[in-house]
All heavy atoms as atom14 arrays in JSON, in Angstrom:
{
  "sequence": "RYVKPNPHEIENATWMLTVFNCFGYQFCLHFEAFHLGTTPVYM",
  "atom14_mask": [
    [1, 1, 1, 1, 1, 1, 1, 1, 1, 1, 1, 0, 0, 0],
    [1, 1, 1, 1, 1, 1, 1, 1, 1, 1, 1, 1, 0, 0],
    [1, 1, 1, 1, 1, 1, 1, 0, 0, 0, 0, 0, 0, 0],
    [1, 1, 1, 1, 1, 1, 1, 1, 1, 0, 0, 0, 0, 0],
    [1, 1, 1, 1, 1, 1, 1, 0, 0, 0, 0, 0, 0, 0],
    [1, 1, 1, 1, 1, 1, 1, 1, 0, 0, 0, 0, 0, 0],
    [1, 1, 1, 1, 1, 1, 1, 0, 0, 0, 0, 0, 0, 0],
    [1, 1, 1, 1, 1, 1, 1, 1, 1, 1, 0, 0, 0, 0],
    [1, 1, 1, 1, 1, 1, 1, 1, 1, 0, 0, 0, 0, 0],
    [1, 1, 1, 1, 1, 1, 1, 1, 0, 0, 0, 0, 0, 0],
    [1, 1, 1, 1, 1, 1, 1, 1, 1, 0, 0, 0, 0, 0],
    [1, 1, 1, 1, 1, 1, 1, 1, 0, 0, 0, 0, 0, 0],
    [1, 1, 1, 1, 1, 0, 0, 0, 0, 0, 0, 0, 0, 0],
    [1, 1, 1, 1, 1, 1, 1, 0, 0, 0, 0, 0, 0, 0],
    [1, 1, 1, 1, 1, 1, 1, 1, 1, 1, 1, 1, 1, 1],
    [1, 1, 1, 1, 1, 1, 1, 1, 0, 0, 0, 0, 0, 0],
    [1, 1, 1, 1, 1, 1, 1, 1, 0, 0, 0, 0, 0, 0],
    [1, 1, 1, 1, 1, 1, 1, 0, 0, 0, 0, 0, 0, 0],
    [1, 1, 1, 1, 1, 1, 1, 0, 0, 0, 0, 0, 0, 0],
    [1, 1, 1, 1, 1, 1, 1, 1, 1, 1, 1, 0, 0, 0],
    [1, 1, 1, 1, 1, 1, 1, 1, 0, 0, 0, 0, 0, 0],
    [1, 1, 1, 1, 1, 1, 0, 0, 0, 0, 0, 0, 0, 0],
    [1, 1, 1, 1, 1, 1, 1, 1, 1, 1, 1, 0, 0, 0],
    [1, 1, 1, 1, 0, 0, 0, 0, 0, 0, 0, 0, 0, 0],
    [1, 1, 1, 1, 1, 1, 1, 1, 1, 1, 1, 1, 0, 0],
    [1, 1, 1, 1, 1, 1, 1, 1, 1, 0, 0, 0, 0, 0],
    [1, 1, 1, 1, 1, 1, 1, 1, 1, 1, 1, 0, 0, 0],
    [1, 1, 1, 1, 1, 1, 0, 0, 0, 0, 0, 0, 0, 0],
    [1, 1, 1, 1, 1, 1, 1, 1, 0, 0, 0, 0, 0, 0],
    [1, 1, 1, 1, 1, 1, 1, 1, 1, 1, 0, 0, 0, 0],
    [1, 1, 1, 1, 1, 1, 1, 1, 1, 1, 1, 0, 0, 0],
    [1, 1, 1, 1, 1, 1, 1, 1, 1, 0, 0, 0, 0, 0],
    [1, 1, 1, 1, 1, 0, 0, 0, 0, 0, 0, 0, 0, 0],
    [1, 1, 1, 1, 1, 1, 1, 1, 1, 1, 1, 0, 0, 0],
    [1, 1, 1, 1, 1, 1, 1, 1, 1, 1, 0, 0, 0, 0],
    [1, 1, 1, 1, 1, 1, 1, 1, 0, 0, 0, 0, 0, 0],
    [1, 1, 1, 1, 0, 0, 0, 0, 0, 0, 0, 0, 0, 0],
    [1, 1, 1, 1, 1, 1, 1, 0, 0, 0, 0, 0, 0, 0],
    [1, 1, 1, 1, 1, 1, 1, 0, 0, 0, 0, 0, 0, 0],
    [1, 1, 1, 1, 1, 1, 1, 0, 0, 0, 0, 0, 0, 0],
    [1, 1, 1, 1, 1, 1, 1, 0, 0, 0, 0, 0, 0, 0],
    [1, 1, 1, 1, 1, 1, 1, 1, 1, 1, 1, 1, 0, 0],
    [1, 1, 1, 1, 1, 1, 1, 1, 0, 0, 0, 0, 0, 0]
  ],
  "atom14_positions": [
    [[-5.91, 9.7, 10.6], [-5.92, 9.11, 11.93], [-5.18, 7.78, 11.89], [-5.47, 6.92, 11.06], [-7.35, 8.92, 12.43], [-7.44, 8.56, 13.9], [-8.86, 8.73, 14.43], [-8.92, 8.48, 15.86], [-8.57, 9.34, 16.79], [-8.13, 10.53, 16.44], [-8.67, 9.05, 18.08], [0.0, 0.0, 0.0], [0.0, 0.0, 0.0], [0.0, 0.0, 0.0]],
    [[-4.23, 7.61, 12.77], [-3.44, 6.39, 12.81], [-3.72, 5.66, 14.13], [-3.47, 6.2, 15.21], [-1.95, 6.7, 12.69], [-1.11, 5.46, 12.64], [-1.05, 4.67, 11.49], [-0.39, 5.04, 13.76], [-0.29, 3.52, 11.45], [0.37, 3.88, 13.73], [0.41, 3.12, 12.57], [1.15, 1.98, 12.54], [0.0, 0.0, 0.0], [0.0, 0.0, 0.0]],
    [[-4.24, 4.43, 14.01], [-4.56, 3.62, 15.18], [-3.85, 2.27, 15.04], [-3.94, 1.62, 13.99], [-6.09, 3.4, 15.32], [-6.39, 2.51, 16.52], [-6.81, 4.73, 15.44], [0.0, 0.0, 0.0], [0.0, 0.0, 0.0], [0.0, 0.0, 0.0], [0.0, 0.0, 0.0], [0.0, 0.0, 0.0], [0.0, 0.0, 0.0], [0.0, 0.0, 0.0]],
    [[-3.12, 1.86, 16.07], [-2.4, 0.6, 16.02], [-2.43, -0.07, 17.39], [-1.97, 0.51, 18.37], [-0.94, 0.85, 15.6], [-0.19, -0.42, 15.24], [-0.65, -0.99, 13.92], [0.15, -2.21, 13.51], [-0.33, -2.79, 12.25], [0.0, 0.0, 0.0], [0.0, 0.0, 0.0], [0.0, 0.0, 0.0], [0.0, 0.0, 0.0], [0.0, 0.0, 0.0]],
    [[-2.98, -1.3, 17.48], [-2.94, -2.0, 18.76], [-1.53, -2.57, 19.02], [-0.75, -2.76, 18.08], [-3.96, -3.12, 18.56], [-3.99, -3.37, 17.09], [-3.72, -2.03, 16.45], [0.0, 0.0, 0.0], [0.0, 0.0, 0.0], [0.0, 0.0, 0.0], [0.0, 0.0, 0.0], [0.0, 0.0, 0.0], [0.0, 0.0, 0.0], [0.0, 0.0, 0.0]],
    [[-1.23, -2.81, 20.25], [0.05, -3.41, 20.65], [1.25, -2.7, 20.03], [2.09, -3.32, 19.37], [0.09, -4.9, 20.28], [-1.07, -5.67, 20.87], [-1.42, -5.48, 22.04], [-1.68, -6.53, 20.06], [0.0, 0.0, 0.0], [0.0, 0.0, 0.0], [0.0, 0.0, 0.0], [0.0, 0.0, 0.0], [0.0, 0.0, 0.0], [0.0, 0.0, 0.0]],
    [[1.38, -1.4, 20.21], [2.49, -0.66, 19.57], [3.86, -1.11, 20.05], [4.85, -0.9, 19.34], [2.21, 0.79, 19.98], [1.39, 0.7, 21.22], [0.53, -0.52, 21.04], [0.0, 0.0, 0.0], [0.0, 0.0, 0.0], [0.0, 0.0, 0.0], [0.0, 0.0, 0.0], [0.0, 0.0, 0.0], [0.0, 0.0, 0.0], [0.0, 0.0, 0.0]],
    [[3.95, -1.74, 21.22], [5.25, -2.19, 21.73], [5.81, -3.34, 20.88], [7.01, -3.62, 20.95], [5.11, -2.64, 23.18], [4.8, -1.51, 24.12], [5.76, -0.64, 24.58], [3.62, -1.11, 24.66], [5.19, 0.25, 25.38], [3.88, -0.01, 25.45], [0.0, 0.0, 0.0], [0.0, 0.0, 0.0], [0.0, 0.0, 0.0], [0.0, 0.0, 0.0]],
    [[4.95, -3.98, 20.1], [5.41, -5.09, 19.26], [5.98, -4.61, 17.94], [6.55, -5.38, 17.18], [4.25, -6.06, 19.0], [3.71, -6.73, 20.26], [2.53, -7.64, 19.97], [2.18, -7.78, 18.77], [1.97, -8.21, 20.93], [0.0, 0.0, 0.0], [0.0, 0.0, 0.0], [0.0, 0.0, 0.0], [0.0, 0.0, 0.0], [0.0, 0.0, 0.0]],
    [[5.82, -3.34, 17.64], [6.31, -2.79, 16.37], [7.7, -2.22, 16.59], [7.88, -1.24, 17.31], [5.38, -1.69, 15.84], [3.96, -2.24, 15.66], [5.91, -1.14, 14.52], [2.96, -1.18, 15.29], [0.0, 0.0, 0.0], [0.0, 0.0, 0.0], [0.0, 0.0, 0.0], [0.0, 0.0, 0.0], [0.0, 0.0, 0.0], [0.0, 0.0, 0.0]],
    [[8.7, -2.83, 15.99], [10.08, -2.38, 16.15], [10.55, -1.58, 14.93], [11.08, -0.5, 15.05], [11.0, -3.58, 16.39], [10.71, -4.32, 17.68], [10.9, -3.44, 18.91], [11.79, -2.58, 18.9], [10.14, -3.6, 19.89], [0.0, 0.0, 0.0], [0.0, 0.0, 0.0], [0.0, 0.0, 0.0], [0.0, 0.0, 0.0], [0.0, 0.0, 0.0]],
    [[10.37, -2.15, 13.76], [10.76, -1.47, 12.52], [9.67, -1.69, 11.49], [9.43, -2.83, 11.06], [12.09, -2.01, 11.99], [13.27, -1.59, 12.85], [13.73, -0.46, 12.78], [13.74, -2.51, 13.68], [0.0, 0.0, 0.0], [0.0, 0.0, 0.0], [0.0, 0.0, 0.0], [0.0, 0.0, 0.0], [0.0, 0.0, 0.0], [0.0, 0.0, 0.0]],
    [[9.01, -0.63, 11.11], [7.93, -0.74, 10.13], [7.84, 0.56, 9.36], [8.25, 1.63, 9.83], [6.6, -1.02, 10.83], [0.0, 0.0, 0.0], [0.0, 0.0, 0.0], [0.0, 0.0, 0.0], [0.0, 0.0, 0.0], [0.0, 0.0, 0.0], [0.0, 0.0, 0.0], [0.0, 0.0, 0.0], [0.0, 0.0, 0.0], [0.0, 0.0, 0.0]],
    [[7.34, 0.48, 8.14], [7.21, 1.67, 7.31], [5.96, 1.55, 6.47], [5.61, 0.48, 5.99], [8.45, 1.86, 6.41], [8.27, 3.02, 5.61], [8.67, 0.65, 5.51], [0.0, 0.0, 0.0], [0.0, 0.0, 0.0], [0.0, 0.0, 0.0], [0.0, 0.0, 0.0], [0.0, 0.0, 0.0], [0.0, 0.0, 0.0], [0.0, 0.0, 0.0]],
    [[5.26, 2.66, 6.34], [4.04, 2.68, 5.54], [4.0, 3.96, 4.72], [4.42, 5.01, 5.19], [2.8, 2.68, 6.44], [2.76, 1.58, 7.43], [2.2, 0.34, 7.27], [3.29, 1.61, 8.77], [2.37, -0.39, 8.42], [3.02, 0.34, 9.35], [3.98, 2.56, 9.52], [3.42, 0.02, 10.64], [4.37, 2.25, 10.81], [4.09, 0.99, 11.37]],
    [[3.5, 3.86, 3.5], [3.13, 5.07, 2.78], [1.64, 5.24, 3.02], [0.85, 4.36, 2.67], [3.4, 4.98, 1.29], [2.93, 6.22, 0.52], [3.01, 6.01, -1.25], [4.76, 6.04, -1.51], [0.0, 0.0, 0.0], [0.0, 0.0, 0.0], [0.0, 0.0, 0.0], [0.0, 0.0, 0.0], [0.0, 0.0, 0.0], [0.0, 0.0, 0.0]],
    [[1.25, 6.32, 3.63], [-0.15, 6.48, 3.99], [-1.0, 6.92, 2.8], [-2.02, 6.33, 2.51], [-0.27, 7.51, 5.12], [0.49, 7.19, 6.4], [0.26, 8.28, 7.43], [0.04, 5.84, 6.97], [0.0, 0.0, 0.0], [0.0, 0.0, 0.0], [0.0, 0.0, 0.0], [0.0, 0.0, 0.0], [0.0, 0.0, 0.0], [0.0, 0.0, 0.0]],
    [[-0.56, 7.96, 2.11], [-1.41, 8.58, 1.1], [-0.57, 9.32, 0.07], [0.53, 9.77, 0.36], [-2.37, 9.61, 1.76], [-2.99, 9.01, 2.89], [-3.45, 10.07, 0.8], [0.0, 0.0, 0.0], [0.0, 0.0, 0.0], [0.0, 0.0, 0.0], [0.0, 0.0, 0.0], [0.0, 0.0, 0.0], [0.0, 0.0, 0.0], [0.0, 0.0, 0.0]],
    [[-1.11, 9.43, -1.15], [-0.56, 10.34, -2.16], [-1.56, 11.48, -2.33], [-2.75, 11.25, -2.53], [-0.31, 9.63, -3.49], [0.01, 10.63, -4.6], [0.84, 8.64, -3.36], [0.0, 0.0, 0.0], [0.0, 0.0, 0.0], [0.0, 0.0, 0.0], [0.0, 0.0, 0.0], [0.0, 0.0, 0.0], [0.0, 0.0, 0.0], [0.0, 0.0, 0.0]],
    [[-1.08, 12.72, -2.24], [-1.92, 13.89, -2.38], [-1.66, 14.59, -3.7], [-0.5, 14.81, -4.07], [-1.66, 14.87, -1.23], [-1.99, 14.32, 0.12], [-0.99, 13.78, 0.92], [-3.3, 14.29, 0.59], [-1.28, 13.24, 2.15], [-3.6, 13.76, 1.83], [-2.59, 13.23, 2.62], [0.0, 0.0, 0.0], [0.0, 0.0, 0.0], [0.0, 0.0, 0.0]],
    [[-2.73, 14.91, -4.43], [-2.65, 15.71, -5.64], [-2.85, 17.17, -5.24], [-3.92, 17.54, -4.74], [-3.73, 15.29, -6.64], [-3.58, 13.86, -7.07], [-2.52, 13.46, -7.54], [-4.64, 13.06, -6.92], [0.0, 0.0, 0.0], [0.0, 0.0, 0.0], [0.0, 0.0, 0.0], [0.0, 0.0, 0.0], [0.0, 0.0, 0.0], [0.0, 0.0, 0.0]],
    [[-1.82, 17.98, -5.43], [-1.86, 19.36, -4.95], [-1.05, 20.25, -5.88], [0.1, 19.92, -6.21], [-1.29, 19.39, -3.53], [-1.2, 21.0, -2.76], [0.0, 0.0, 0.0], [0.0, 0.0, 0.0], [0.0, 0.0, 0.0], [0.0, 0.0, 0.0], [0.0, 0.0, 0.0], [0.0, 0.0, 0.0], [0.0, 0.0, 0.0], [0.0, 0.0, 0.0]],
    [[-1.63, 21.35, -6.34], [-0.96, 22.28, -7.26], [-0.54, 21.59, -8.56], [0.43, 21.99, -9.2], [0.25, 22.94, -6.61], [-0.08, 23.8, -5.41], [0.24, 23.36, -4.13], [-0.7, 25.03, -5.57], [-0.06, 24.15, -3.03], [-0.99, 25.82, -4.48], [-0.68, 25.38, -3.2], [0.0, 0.0, 0.0], [0.0, 0.0, 0.0], [0.0, 0.0, 0.0]],
    [[-1.23, 20.53, -8.94], [-0.89, 19.81, -10.16], [0.26, 18.85, -10.02], [0.74, 18.28, -11.01], [0.0, 0.0, 0.0], [0.0, 0.0, 0.0], [0.0, 0.0, 0.0], [0.0, 0.0, 0.0], [0.0, 0.0, 0.0], [0.0, 0.0, 0.0], [0.0, 0.0, 0.0], [0.0, 0.0, 0.0], [0.0, 0.0, 0.0], [0.0, 0.0, 0.0]],
    [[0.73, 18.64, -8.78], [1.82, 17.7, -8.5], [1.34, 16.68, -7.46], [0.23, 16.78, -6.94], [3.05, 18.44, -7.97], [3.69, 19.37, -8.97], [3.3, 20.71, -9.04], [4.69, 18.92, -9.83], [3.89, 21.57, -9.96], [5.29, 19.78, -10.74], [4.88, 21.09, -10.81], [5.46, 21.94, -11.72], [0.0, 0.0, 0.0], [0.0, 0.0, 0.0]],
    [[2.22, 15.69, -7.18], [1.88, 14.65, -6.22], [2.89, 14.64, -5.07], [4.09, 14.84, -5.28], [1.85, 13.27, -6.89], [0.67, 13.06, -7.83], [0.78, 13.9, -9.09], [1.85, 13.97, -9.71], [-0.3, 14.56, -9.45], [0.0, 0.0, 0.0], [0.0, 0.0, 0.0], [0.0, 0.0, 0.0], [0.0, 0.0, 0.0], [0.0, 0.0, 0.0]],
    [[2.38, 14.38, -3.87], [3.18, 14.34, -2.65], [2.86, 13.05, -1.9], [1.69, 12.67, -1.78], [2.88, 15.54, -1.76], [3.15, 16.88, -2.39], [2.24, 17.44, -3.28], [4.32, 17.57, -2.12], [2.49, 18.67, -3.88], [4.58, 18.79, -2.71], [3.66, 19.35, -3.59], [0.0, 0.0, 0.0], [0.0, 0.0, 0.0], [0.0, 0.0, 0.0]],
    [[3.9, 12.37, -1.39], [3.73, 11.1, -0.67], [3.92, 11.32, 0.82], [4.97, 11.82, 1.25], [4.77, 10.07, -1.13], [4.86, 9.83, -2.9], [0.0, 0.0, 0.0], [0.0, 0.0, 0.0], [0.0, 0.0, 0.0], [0.0, 0.0, 0.0], [0.0, 0.0, 0.0], [0.0, 0.0, 0.0], [0.0, 0.0, 0.0], [0.0, 0.0, 0.0]],
    [[2.93, 10.94, 1.6], [3.03, 11.03, 3.06], [3.47, 9.68, 3.6], [2.85, 8.66, 3.34], [1.69, 11.43, 3.67], [1.63, 11.49, 5.2], [2.57, 12.57, 5.73], [0.2, 11.74, 5.66], [0.0, 0.0, 0.0], [0.0, 0.0, 0.0], [0.0, 0.0, 0.0], [0.0, 0.0, 0.0], [0.0, 0.0, 0.0], [0.0, 0.0, 0.0]],
    [[4.56, 9.67, 4.39], [5.1, 8.45, 4.98], [4.99, 8.5, 6.49], [5.07, 9.57, 7.1], [6.58, 8.29, 4.61], [6.83, 8.06, 3.16], [6.95, 6.8, 2.61], [6.99, 8.94, 2.14], [7.18, 6.92, 1.3], [7.21, 8.2, 1.0], [0.0, 0.0, 0.0], [0.0, 0.0, 0.0], [0.0, 0.0, 0.0], [0.0, 0.0, 0.0]],
    [[4.84, 7.32, 7.08], [4.86, 7.18, 8.54], [5.7, 5.96, 8.87], [5.46, 4.89, 8.31], [3.44, 7.02, 9.07], [3.33, 7.19, 10.56], [3.3, 8.45, 11.13], [3.26, 6.09, 11.4], [3.2, 8.61, 12.5], [3.17, 6.24, 12.77], [3.13, 7.51, 13.33], [0.0, 0.0, 0.0], [0.0, 0.0, 0.0], [0.0, 0.0, 0.0]],
    [[6.69, 6.11, 9.74], [7.64, 5.04, 10.01], [7.8, 4.81, 11.51], [7.66, 5.74, 12.31], [9.01, 5.37, 9.42], [8.98, 5.69, 7.95], [10.12, 5.05, 7.19], [10.96, 4.4, 7.83], [10.15, 5.19, 5.96], [0.0, 0.0, 0.0], [0.0, 0.0, 0.0], [0.0, 0.0, 0.0], [0.0, 0.0, 0.0], [0.0, 0.0, 0.0]],
    [[8.12, 3.57, 11.85], [8.49, 3.22, 13.23], [9.88, 2.58, 13.18], [10.12, 1.67, 12.4], [7.47, 2.23, 13.81], [0.0, 0.0, 0.0], [0.0, 0.0, 0.0], [0.0, 0.0, 0.0], [0.0, 0.0, 0.0], [0.0, 0.0, 0.0], [0.0, 0.0, 0.0], [0.0, 0.0, 0.0], [0.0, 0.0, 0.0], [0.0, 0.0, 0.0]],
    [[10.8, 3.1, 14.0], [12.16, 2.55, 14.02], [12.83, 2.98, 15.31], [12.22, 3.67, 16.15], [12.96, 3.01, 12.8], [13.14, 4.5, 12.68], [14.31, 5.12, 13.09], [12.13, 5.3, 12.15], [14.49, 6.49, 12.98], [12.3, 6.68, 12.03], [13.48, 7.27, 12.45], [0.0, 0.0, 0.0], [0.0, 0.0, 0.0], [0.0, 0.0, 0.0]],
    [[14.07, 2.56, 15.51], [14.83, 2.93, 16.7], [15.84, 4.02, 16.36], [16.58, 3.91, 15.38], [15.56, 1.71, 17.28], [14.69, 0.88, 18.16], [13.77, -0.01, 17.66], [14.59, 0.81, 19.53], [13.14, -0.61, 18.67], [13.62, -0.12, 19.81], [0.0, 0.0, 0.0], [0.0, 0.0, 0.0], [0.0, 0.0, 0.0], [0.0, 0.0, 0.0]],
    [[15.85, 5.05, 17.16], [16.86, 6.09, 17.06], [17.82, 5.85, 18.21], [17.56, 6.22, 19.35], [16.2, 7.47, 17.16], [17.08, 8.69, 16.86], [17.69, 8.6, 15.47], [16.26, 9.97, 16.99], [0.0, 0.0, 0.0], [0.0, 0.0, 0.0], [0.0, 0.0, 0.0], [0.0, 0.0, 0.0], [0.0, 0.0, 0.0], [0.0, 0.0, 0.0]],
    [[18.93, 5.17, 17.9], [19.79, 4.65, 18.96], [19.04, 3.5, 19.63], [18.71, 2.51, 18.99], [0.0, 0.0, 0.0], [0.0, 0.0, 0.0], [0.0, 0.0, 0.0], [0.0, 0.0, 0.0], [0.0, 0.0, 0.0], [0.0, 0.0, 0.0], [0.0, 0.0, 0.0], [0.0, 0.0, 0.0], [0.0, 0.0, 0.0], [0.0, 0.0, 0.0]],
    [[18.74, 3.65, 20.9], [17.97, 2.62, 21.62], [16.53, 3.06, 21.86], [15.76, 2.34, 22.49], [18.64, 2.31, 22.97], [18.72, 3.51, 23.75], [20.04, 1.74, 22.76], [0.0, 0.0, 0.0], [0.0, 0.0, 0.0], [0.0, 0.0, 0.0], [0.0, 0.0, 0.0], [0.0, 0.0, 0.0], [0.0, 0.0, 0.0], [0.0, 0.0, 0.0]],
    [[16.18, 4.27, 21.38], [14.85, 4.82, 21.66], [13.9, 4.53, 20.5], [14.16, 4.91, 19.35], [14.93, 6.35, 21.85], [15.87, 6.65, 22.88], [13.57, 6.91, 22.21], [0.0, 0.0, 0.0], [0.0, 0.0, 0.0], [0.0, 0.0, 0.0], [0.0, 0.0, 0.0], [0.0, 0.0, 0.0], [0.0, 0.0, 0.0], [0.0, 0.0, 0.0]],
    [[12.77, 3.85, 20.76], [11.78, 3.63, 19.7], [11.06, 4.93, 19.38], [10.61, 5.65, 20.28], [10.83, 2.6, 20.31], [11.0, 2.72, 21.79], [12.39, 3.19, 22.02], [0.0, 0.0, 0.0], [0.0, 0.0, 0.0], [0.0, 0.0, 0.0], [0.0, 0.0, 0.0], [0.0, 0.0, 0.0], [0.0, 0.0, 0.0], [0.0, 0.0, 0.0]],
    [[11.0, 5.26, 18.09], [10.39, 6.52, 17.65], [9.46, 6.26, 16.47], [9.52, 5.22, 15.81], [11.45, 7.57, 17.25], [12.35, 7.91, 18.43], [12.26, 7.1, 16.05], [0.0, 0.0, 0.0], [0.0, 0.0, 0.0], [0.0, 0.0, 0.0], [0.0, 0.0, 0.0], [0.0, 0.0, 0.0], [0.0, 0.0, 0.0], [0.0, 0.0, 0.0]],
    [[8.6, 7.25, 16.24], [7.78, 7.31, 15.03], [8.19, 8.56, 14.27], [8.58, 9.57, 14.86], [6.29, 7.37, 15.36], [5.79, 6.17, 16.12], [5.57, 6.26, 17.5], [5.56, 4.96, 15.49], [5.12, 5.16, 18.22], [5.11, 3.85, 16.19], [4.9, 3.96, 17.56], [4.46, 2.87, 18.25], [0.0, 0.0, 0.0], [0.0, 0.0, 0.0]],
    [[8.1, 8.48, 12.94], [8.49, 9.62, 12.11], [7.51, 9.77, 10.95], [7.13, 8.78, 10.3], [9.91, 9.42, 11.57], [10.41, 10.56, 10.68], [12.14, 10.27, 10.18], [12.39, 11.64, 9.04], [0.0, 0.0, 0.0], [0.0, 0.0, 0.0], [0.0, 0.0, 0.0], [0.0, 0.0, 0.0], [0.0, 0.0, 0.0], [0.0, 0.0, 0.0]]
  ]
}
């Protein structure tokens, strides 16, 4: 669950949320905020 107050103030930010141990390997989950052209997006 991702909760963030004042999302309009976030222009460019990046977070690694979690590392998952699965099938004996590790996977990194990322969540980012940035502009795609002039449109603010999350990825």
